[in-house]
C-alpha atoms as a PDB file:
ATOM      1  CA  MET A   1     -23.797 -11.956 -25.099  1.00  0.00           C
ATOM      2  CA  GLN A   2     -21.670 -10.561 -27.924  1.00  0.00           C
ATOM      3  CA  SER A   3     -21.920  -6.994 -29.197  1.00  0.00           C
ATOM      4  CA  SER A   4     -22.178  -6.374 -32.923  1.00  0.00           C
ATOM      5  CA  ARG A   5     -20.206  -3.367 -34.172  1.00  0.00           C
ATOM      6  CA  GLY A   6     -21.882  -3.142 -37.571  1.00  0.00           C
ATOM      7  CA  PRO A   7     -24.721  -0.849 -38.602  1.00  0.00           C
ATOM      8  CA  VAL A   8     -28.311  -1.864 -37.933  1.00  0.00           C
ATOM      9  CA  PRO A   9     -30.573  -1.257 -40.948  1.00  0.00           C
ATOM     10  CA  VAL A  10     -33.745   0.684 -40.198  1.00  0.00           C
ATOM     11  CA  LEU A  11     -36.575   0.956 -42.723  1.00  0.00           C
ATOM     12  CA  LEU A  12     -38.754   4.048 -42.500  1.00  0.00           C
ATOM     13  CA  ARG A  13     -42.012   4.380 -44.365  1.00  0.00           C
ATOM     14  CA  VAL A  14     -44.105   7.522 -44.771  1.00  0.00           C
ATOM     15  CA  GLU A  15     -47.731   7.174 -45.796  1.00  0.00           C
ATOM     16  CA  THR A  16     -50.718   9.362 -46.499  1.00  0.00           C
ATOM     17  CA  THR A  17     -54.404   8.692 -47.002  1.00  0.00           C
ATOM     18  CA  ASP A  18     -54.583  11.560 -49.514  1.00  0.00           C
ATOM     19  CA  SER A  19     -54.868   9.844 -52.881  1.00  0.00           C
ATOM     20  CA  MET A  20     -56.081  12.919 -54.752  1.00  0.00           C
ATOM     21  CA  THR A  21     -52.987  15.123 -54.476  1.00  0.00           C
ATOM     22  CA  PRO A  22     -50.470  14.630 -57.294  1.00  0.00           C
ATOM     23  CA  VAL A  23     -47.248  12.846 -56.330  1.00  0.00           C
ATOM     24  CA  GLU A  24     -45.064  15.834 -57.210  1.00  0.00           C
ATOM     25  CA  GLN A  25     -46.993  17.926 -54.663  1.00  0.00           C
ATOM     26  CA  MET A  26     -47.213  15.223 -52.002  1.00  0.00           C
ATOM     27  CA  ARG A  27     -43.564  14.128 -52.018  1.00  0.00           C
ATOM     28  CA  PRO A  28     -42.227  17.372 -50.417  1.00  0.00           C
ATOM     29  CA  ARG A  29     -44.882  17.105 -47.689  1.00  0.00           C
ATOM     30  CA  LEU A  30     -43.960  13.516 -46.915  1.00  0.00           C
ATOM     31  CA  ASP A  31     -40.250  14.390 -47.003  1.00  0.00           C
ATOM     32  CA  ALA A  32     -40.899  17.189 -44.504  1.00  0.00           C
ATOM     33  CA  ALA A  33     -42.884  14.843 -42.235  1.00  0.00           C
ATOM     34  CA  LEU A  34     -40.064  12.282 -42.294  1.00  0.00           C
ATOM     35  CA  THR A  35     -37.445  14.959 -41.627  1.00  0.00           C
ATOM     36  CA  ALA A  36     -39.455  16.235 -38.643  1.00  0.00           C
ATOM     37  CA  PHE A  37     -39.808  12.698 -37.300  1.00  0.00           C
ATOM     38  CA  LEU A  38     -36.092  11.983 -37.658  1.00  0.00           C
ATOM     39  CA  GLY A  39     -35.311  15.252 -35.877  1.00  0.00           C
ATOM     40  CA  GLN A  40     -37.011  13.900 -32.765  1.00  0.00           C
ATOM     41  CA  ALA A  41     -36.504  10.142 -33.084  1.00  0.00           C
ATOM     42  CA  LYS A  42     -33.871   8.322 -31.086  1.00  0.00           C
ATOM     43  CA  LEU A  43     -33.015   5.619 -33.598  1.00  0.00           C
ATOM     44  CA  GLY A  44     -30.040   4.465 -31.562  1.00  0.00           C
ATOM     45  CA  ASP A  45     -32.357   3.542 -28.705  1.00  0.00           C
ATOM     46  CA  THR A  46     -34.780   1.872 -31.118  1.00  0.00           C
ATOM     47  CA  ALA A  47     -32.130  -0.207 -32.863  1.00  0.00           C
ATOM     48  CA  MET A  48     -30.067  -1.068 -29.757  1.00  0.00           C
ATOM     49  CA  PRO A  49     -31.764  -4.412 -28.989  1.00  0.00           C
ATOM     50  CA  TYR A  50     -31.027  -5.552 -32.562  1.00  0.00           C
ATOM     51  CA  GLY A  51     -27.364  -4.642 -32.377  1.00  0.00           C
ATOM     52  CA  HIS A  52     -26.597  -7.432 -29.898  1.00  0.00           C
ATOM     53  CA  ARG A  53     -26.360 -11.116 -30.718  1.00  0.00           C
ATOM     54  CA  GLN A  54     -27.517 -13.597 -28.151  1.00  0.00           C
END
């Protein structure tokens, strides 16, 4: 097993079912939701299995 020292790309997507609110009003809400998620997420633990080559 060989360890990779490079970054592991992670794609994050934020969605809403609210299709009536204008984008300029919804974007700050979605940004806040993503920021709150990232404040609690442990992306290192999530990406760890992908950082190793087998």
